[in-house]
């Protein structure tokens, strides 16, 4: 799971859409809900193409198009989370609803790793 979370970061892989006035860097294309949908689809792709990295890259591009996002949107979303770490709480709650407690523990561990990398 940790590898998959790292893969999601490399993708650049619901709640409220980002408030552009409160958080000017937030990606309006990628809300928490859309990120989780993307994460779920990316998880499925990762399992399906775990031994076929070329196919995974092709399918990932198709996934981005299907969701109407770009690599830059994902990077902007993750940067917004680094700049506003309080936003992780809502995202983690939504992940727990969708994937259960194990995923919540993994995301919290990922969040700690992300925060350490900033220092």
N, C-alpha and C. Protein backbone atom coordinates (compact mmCIF):
# COMPACT_ATOMS: atom_id res chain seq x y z
N UNK A 1 0.83 -1.19 0.00
CA UNK A 1 0.00 0.00 0.00
C UNK A 1 0.87 1.26 0.00
N UNK A 2 1.96 1.20 0.76
CA UNK A 2 2.85 2.37 0.82
C UNK A 2 3.41 2.68 -0.57
N UNK A 3 3.74 1.62 -1.30
CA UNK A 3 4.26 1.80 -2.66
C UNK A 3 3.20 2.44 -3.55
N UNK A 4 1.95 2.02 -3.35
CA UNK A 4 0.87 2.59 -4.15
C UNK A 4 0.68 4.06 -3.84
N UNK A 5 0.75 4.43 -2.56
CA UNK A 5 0.61 5.84 -2.20
C UNK A 5 1.73 6.66 -2.83
N UNK A 6 2.93 6.10 -2.82
CA UNK A 6 4.03 6.78 -3.48
C UNK A 6 3.75 6.91 -4.97
N UNK A 7 3.17 5.85 -5.55
CA UNK A 7 2.82 5.88 -6.97
C UNK A 7 1.81 7.00 -7.23
N UNK A 8 0.88 7.19 -6.30
CA UNK A 8 -0.11 8.26 -6.47
C UNK A 8 0.56 9.63 -6.50
N UNK A 9 1.60 9.78 -5.69
CA UNK A 9 2.34 11.03 -5.72
C UNK A 9 3.03 11.17 -7.07
N UNK A 10 3.54 10.06 -7.57
CA UNK A 10 4.20 10.08 -8.87
C UNK A 10 3.18 10.35 -9.97
N UNK A 11 1.93 10.09 -9.74
CA UNK A 11 0.89 10.42 -10.72
C UNK A 11 0.94 11.89 -11.08
N UNK A 12 1.56 12.62 -10.35
CA UNK A 12 1.80 14.07 -10.60
C UNK A 12 3.24 14.43 -10.79
N UNK A 13 -1.21 7.84 -7.73
CA UNK A 13 -2.20 7.05 -7.97
C UNK A 13 -2.56 6.53 -8.19
N UNK A 14 -14.00 13.10 -1.35
CA UNK A 14 -14.24 13.85 -1.98
C UNK A 14 -14.70 14.64 -0.88
N UNK A 15 -15.51 15.21 -0.42
CA UNK A 15 -15.60 16.37 0.45
C UNK A 15 -15.94 17.61 -0.31
N UNK A 16 -15.20 18.63 -0.07
CA UNK A 16 -15.49 19.95 -0.66
C UNK A 16 -14.48 20.26 -1.76
N UNK A 17 -14.92 20.96 -2.74
CA UNK A 17 -14.00 21.44 -3.76
C UNK A 17 -13.13 22.52 -3.12
N UNK A 18 -11.89 22.67 -3.58
CA UNK A 18 -11.03 23.68 -2.99
C UNK A 18 -11.61 25.08 -3.16
N UNK A 19 -11.40 25.91 -2.17
CA UNK A 19 -11.87 27.29 -2.23
C UNK A 19 -10.74 28.15 -2.78
N UNK A 20 -10.90 28.61 -3.98
CA UNK A 20 -9.84 29.37 -4.66
C UNK A 20 -9.52 30.66 -3.92
N UNK A 21 -10.49 31.26 -3.22
CA UNK A 21 -10.20 32.49 -2.49
C UNK A 21 -9.41 32.21 -1.22
N UNK A 22 -9.77 31.14 -0.49
CA UNK A 22 -9.03 30.79 0.72
C UNK A 22 -7.66 30.21 0.39
N UNK A 23 -7.61 29.38 -0.64
CA UNK A 23 -6.39 28.70 -1.01
C UNK A 23 -6.12 28.94 -2.50
N UNK A 24 -5.49 30.04 -2.84
CA UNK A 24 -5.32 30.41 -4.24
C UNK A 24 -4.59 29.37 -5.08
N UNK A 25 -3.75 28.54 -4.48
CA UNK A 25 -3.03 27.53 -5.25
C UNK A 25 -3.81 26.25 -5.46
N UNK A 26 -4.98 26.13 -4.86
CA UNK A 26 -5.74 24.89 -4.95
C UNK A 26 -6.17 24.62 -6.39
N UNK A 27 -6.20 23.33 -6.71
CA UNK A 27 -6.59 22.94 -8.07
C UNK A 27 -8.11 22.82 -8.14
N UNK A 28 -8.78 23.70 -8.89
CA UNK A 28 -10.24 23.62 -8.98
C UNK A 28 -10.71 22.38 -9.72
N UNK A 29 -9.83 21.77 -10.51
CA UNK A 29 -10.20 20.58 -11.27
C UNK A 29 -10.19 19.32 -10.41
N UNK A 30 -9.47 19.33 -9.30
CA UNK A 30 -9.26 18.11 -8.53
C UNK A 30 -9.65 18.33 -7.07
N UNK A 31 -10.90 18.02 -6.77
CA UNK A 31 -11.40 18.10 -5.40
C UNK A 31 -10.96 16.85 -4.63
N UNK A 32 -11.23 16.83 -3.33
CA UNK A 32 -10.93 15.63 -2.54
C UNK A 32 -11.68 14.42 -3.10
N UNK A 33 -12.95 14.59 -3.42
CA UNK A 33 -13.75 13.46 -3.94
C UNK A 33 -13.17 12.95 -5.25
N UNK A 34 -12.81 13.86 -6.11
CA UNK A 34 -12.27 13.44 -7.41
C UNK A 34 -10.91 12.77 -7.21
N UNK A 35 -10.11 13.27 -6.26
CA UNK A 35 -8.82 12.65 -5.97
C UNK A 35 -9.01 11.21 -5.50
N UNK A 36 -10.00 10.99 -4.64
CA UNK A 36 -10.25 9.64 -4.14
C UNK A 36 -10.75 8.73 -5.26
N UNK A 37 -11.59 9.25 -6.13
CA UNK A 37 -12.03 8.46 -7.28
C UNK A 37 -10.83 8.09 -8.14
N UNK A 38 -9.96 9.05 -8.37
CA UNK A 38 -8.75 8.80 -9.15
C UNK A 38 -7.87 7.78 -8.44
N UNK A 39 -7.73 7.92 -7.13
CA UNK A 39 -6.94 7.00 -6.32
C UNK A 39 -7.49 5.58 -6.46
N UNK A 40 -8.81 5.42 -6.37
CA UNK A 40 -9.44 4.09 -6.48
C UNK A 40 -9.16 3.49 -7.86
N UNK A 41 -9.31 4.29 -8.89
CA UNK A 41 -9.04 3.80 -10.25
C UNK A 41 -7.56 3.48 -10.43
N UNK A 42 -6.69 4.30 -9.86
CA UNK A 42 -5.25 4.07 -9.96
C UNK A 42 -4.87 2.79 -9.22
N UNK A 43 -5.50 2.54 -8.09
CA UNK A 43 -5.26 1.32 -7.32
C UNK A 43 -5.60 0.10 -8.17
N UNK A 44 -6.73 0.15 -8.83
CA UNK A 44 -7.14 -0.94 -9.71
C UNK A 44 -6.13 -1.14 -10.84
N UNK A 45 -5.71 -0.04 -11.47
CA UNK A 45 -4.72 -0.14 -12.55
C UNK A 45 -3.41 -0.72 -12.05
N UNK A 46 -2.98 -0.26 -10.87
CA UNK A 46 -1.72 -0.74 -10.31
C UNK A 46 -1.76 -2.25 -10.11
N UNK A 47 -2.87 -2.75 -9.60
CA UNK A 47 -2.99 -4.20 -9.39
C UNK A 47 -3.06 -4.95 -10.73
N UNK A 48 -3.74 -4.38 -11.69
CA UNK A 48 -3.91 -5.03 -12.99
C UNK A 48 -2.60 -5.06 -13.79
N UNK A 49 -1.80 -4.00 -13.69
CA UNK A 49 -0.60 -3.89 -14.52
C UNK A 49 0.69 -3.86 -13.69
N UNK A 50 0.69 -4.54 -12.56
CA UNK A 50 1.83 -4.50 -11.66
C UNK A 50 3.12 -4.98 -12.33
N UNK A 51 3.02 -5.89 -13.29
CA UNK A 51 4.21 -6.41 -13.96
C UNK A 51 4.32 -5.91 -15.40
N UNK A 52 3.57 -4.89 -15.74
CA UNK A 52 3.60 -4.35 -17.10
C UNK A 52 3.63 -2.83 -17.03
N UNK A 53 4.80 -2.30 -16.69
CA UNK A 53 4.89 -0.86 -16.44
C UNK A 53 4.57 -0.02 -17.68
N UNK A 54 4.92 -0.50 -18.86
CA UNK A 54 4.59 0.26 -20.07
C UNK A 54 3.08 0.38 -20.25
N UNK A 55 2.39 -0.73 -20.04
CA UNK A 55 0.92 -0.72 -20.14
C UNK A 55 0.32 0.16 -19.06
N UNK A 56 0.92 0.12 -17.87
CA UNK A 56 0.44 0.95 -16.77
C UNK A 56 0.51 2.43 -17.15
N UNK A 57 1.61 2.85 -17.76
CA UNK A 57 1.75 4.25 -18.16
C UNK A 57 0.70 4.65 -19.19
N UNK A 58 0.45 3.78 -20.15
CA UNK A 58 -0.56 4.07 -21.18
C UNK A 58 -1.94 4.17 -20.54
N UNK A 59 -2.26 3.20 -19.68
CA UNK A 59 -3.57 3.19 -19.03
C UNK A 59 -3.73 4.37 -18.07
N UNK A 60 -2.64 4.78 -17.45
CA UNK A 60 -2.70 5.94 -16.55
C UNK A 60 -3.06 7.20 -17.33
N UNK A 61 -2.48 7.37 -18.50
CA UNK A 61 -2.82 8.52 -19.34
C UNK A 61 -4.30 8.50 -19.73
N UNK A 62 -4.82 7.32 -20.04
CA UNK A 62 -6.24 7.18 -20.36
C UNK A 62 -7.09 7.53 -19.13
N UNK A 63 -6.62 7.11 -17.96
CA UNK A 63 -7.33 7.41 -16.71
C UNK A 63 -7.39 8.92 -16.49
N UNK A 64 -6.29 9.60 -16.70
CA UNK A 64 -6.27 11.06 -16.55
C UNK A 64 -7.29 11.70 -17.48
N UNK A 65 -7.30 11.27 -18.74
CA UNK A 65 -8.24 11.84 -19.71
C UNK A 65 -9.68 11.57 -19.30
N UNK A 66 -9.94 10.35 -18.83
CA UNK A 66 -11.29 9.99 -18.40
C UNK A 66 -11.76 10.88 -17.24
N UNK A 67 -10.85 11.22 -16.35
CA UNK A 67 -11.18 12.07 -15.20
C UNK A 67 -11.06 13.55 -15.54
N UNK A 68 -10.55 13.86 -16.72
CA UNK A 68 -10.43 15.26 -17.13
C UNK A 68 -9.37 16.04 -16.38
N UNK A 69 -8.29 15.36 -16.00
CA UNK A 69 -7.21 16.02 -15.27
C UNK A 69 -5.87 15.78 -15.96
N UNK A 70 -4.88 16.52 -15.50
CA UNK A 70 -3.52 16.37 -16.03
C UNK A 70 -2.57 16.09 -14.87
N UNK A 71 -1.35 15.75 -15.23
CA UNK A 71 -0.28 15.56 -14.25
C UNK A 71 -0.12 16.84 -13.41
N UNK A 72 -0.22 17.98 -14.06
CA UNK A 72 -0.08 19.26 -13.36
C UNK A 72 -1.18 19.46 -12.33
N UNK A 73 -2.40 19.00 -12.63
CA UNK A 73 -3.50 19.11 -11.67
C UNK A 73 -3.20 18.30 -10.41
N UNK A 74 -2.64 17.11 -10.59
CA UNK A 74 -2.30 16.27 -9.44
C UNK A 74 -1.19 16.92 -8.63
N UNK A 75 -0.17 17.41 -9.31
CA UNK A 75 0.93 18.08 -8.61
C UNK A 75 0.43 19.29 -7.84
N UNK A 76 -0.47 20.05 -8.44
CA UNK A 76 -1.04 21.23 -7.79
C UNK A 76 -1.85 20.83 -6.55
N UNK A 77 -2.63 19.75 -6.68
CA UNK A 77 -3.42 19.24 -5.56
C UNK A 77 -2.50 18.84 -4.40
N UNK A 78 -1.44 18.08 -4.69
CA UNK A 78 -0.53 17.64 -3.64
C UNK A 78 0.24 18.81 -3.03
N UNK A 79 0.61 19.79 -3.84
CA UNK A 79 1.28 20.98 -3.31
C UNK A 79 0.34 21.73 -2.37
N UNK A 80 -0.93 21.82 -2.75
CA UNK A 80 -1.91 22.48 -1.90
C UNK A 80 -2.00 21.77 -0.55
N UNK A 81 -1.93 20.44 -0.55
CA UNK A 81 -1.98 19.68 0.71
C UNK A 81 -0.72 19.91 1.53
N UNK A 82 0.41 20.06 0.87
CA UNK A 82 1.65 20.35 1.61
C UNK A 82 1.58 21.75 2.21
N UNK A 83 1.02 22.71 1.46
CA UNK A 83 0.91 24.08 1.94
C UNK A 83 -0.15 24.25 3.01
N UNK A 84 -1.16 23.38 3.01
CA UNK A 84 -2.28 23.44 3.95
C UNK A 84 -2.52 22.05 4.54
N UNK A 85 -1.63 21.59 5.43
CA UNK A 85 -1.71 20.23 5.95
C UNK A 85 -3.02 19.92 6.69
N UNK A 86 -3.72 20.94 7.14
CA UNK A 86 -5.00 20.71 7.82
C UNK A 86 -6.03 20.08 6.88
N UNK A 87 -5.83 20.22 5.59
CA UNK A 87 -6.75 19.64 4.61
C UNK A 87 -6.65 18.11 4.55
N UNK A 88 -5.54 17.56 5.04
CA UNK A 88 -5.40 16.10 5.03
C UNK A 88 -6.50 15.43 5.85
N UNK A 89 -6.93 16.06 6.94
CA UNK A 89 -7.92 15.43 7.82
C UNK A 89 -9.20 15.07 7.08
N UNK A 90 -9.73 16.00 6.30
CA UNK A 90 -10.96 15.72 5.55
C UNK A 90 -10.72 14.64 4.51
N UNK A 91 -9.57 14.68 3.86
CA UNK A 91 -9.25 13.68 2.86
C UNK A 91 -9.12 12.30 3.49
N UNK A 92 -8.46 12.21 4.63
CA UNK A 92 -8.30 10.93 5.32
C UNK A 92 -9.65 10.37 5.75
N UNK A 93 -10.53 11.23 6.24
CA UNK A 93 -11.87 10.77 6.63
C UNK A 93 -12.62 10.18 5.44
N UNK A 94 -12.51 10.82 4.30
CA UNK A 94 -13.17 10.31 3.09
C UNK A 94 -12.54 9.01 2.60
N UNK A 95 -11.23 8.90 2.73
CA UNK A 95 -10.56 7.66 2.35
C UNK A 95 -11.00 6.52 3.26
N UNK A 96 -11.13 6.81 4.55
CA UNK A 96 -11.59 5.78 5.48
C UNK A 96 -13.00 5.31 5.10
N UNK A 97 -13.87 6.24 4.77
CA UNK A 97 -15.22 5.87 4.35
C UNK A 97 -15.18 4.96 3.13
N UNK A 98 -14.32 5.27 2.20
CA UNK A 98 -14.28 4.52 0.94
C UNK A 98 -13.51 3.21 1.05
N UNK A 99 -12.38 3.23 1.76
CA UNK A 99 -11.49 2.07 1.75
C UNK A 99 -11.32 1.38 3.10
N UNK A 100 -11.77 1.98 4.18
CA UNK A 100 -11.66 1.35 5.49
C UNK A 100 -10.47 1.85 6.29
N UNK A 101 -10.33 1.30 7.49
CA UNK A 101 -9.31 1.75 8.43
C UNK A 101 -7.89 1.50 7.97
N UNK A 102 -7.64 0.37 7.31
CA UNK A 102 -6.28 0.07 6.85
C UNK A 102 -5.78 1.17 5.92
N UNK A 103 -6.63 1.62 5.04
CA UNK A 103 -6.24 2.70 4.12
C UNK A 103 -6.01 4.00 4.88
N UNK A 104 -6.81 4.23 5.91
CA UNK A 104 -6.62 5.45 6.71
C UNK A 104 -5.24 5.43 7.37
N UNK A 105 -4.84 4.28 7.92
CA UNK A 105 -3.52 4.18 8.55
C UNK A 105 -2.42 4.43 7.52
N UNK A 106 -2.58 3.87 6.33
CA UNK A 106 -1.58 4.07 5.28
C UNK A 106 -1.49 5.54 4.87
N UNK A 107 -2.64 6.20 4.74
CA UNK A 107 -2.64 7.60 4.32
C UNK A 107 -2.02 8.48 5.41
N UNK A 108 -2.29 8.17 6.69
CA UNK A 108 -1.67 8.94 7.77
C UNK A 108 -0.16 8.76 7.75
N UNK A 109 0.30 7.54 7.49
CA UNK A 109 1.74 7.29 7.39
C UNK A 109 2.32 8.06 6.21
N UNK A 110 1.60 8.07 5.10
CA UNK A 110 2.02 8.82 3.92
C UNK A 110 2.08 10.31 4.23
N UNK A 111 1.09 10.80 4.96
CA UNK A 111 1.04 12.22 5.32
C UNK A 111 2.26 12.59 6.16
N UNK A 112 2.63 11.74 7.11
CA UNK A 112 3.80 12.01 7.95
C UNK A 112 5.06 12.03 7.10
N UNK A 113 5.15 11.12 6.15
CA UNK A 113 6.31 11.08 5.25
C UNK A 113 6.39 12.35 4.43
N UNK A 114 5.24 12.82 3.94
CA UNK A 114 5.20 14.04 3.15
C UNK A 114 5.65 15.23 3.98
N UNK A 115 5.18 15.31 5.21
CA UNK A 115 5.56 16.43 6.08
C UNK A 115 7.05 16.41 6.39
N UNK A 116 7.62 15.21 6.62
CA UNK A 116 9.05 15.11 6.92
C UNK A 116 9.88 15.56 5.74
N UNK A 117 9.43 15.24 4.53
CA UNK A 117 10.16 15.59 3.32
C UNK A 117 10.25 17.08 3.08
N UNK A 118 9.38 17.85 3.73
CA UNK A 118 9.35 19.30 3.53
C UNK A 118 10.42 20.02 4.32
N UNK A 119 10.83 19.41 5.43
CA UNK A 119 11.75 20.10 6.35
C UNK A 119 13.11 20.30 5.78
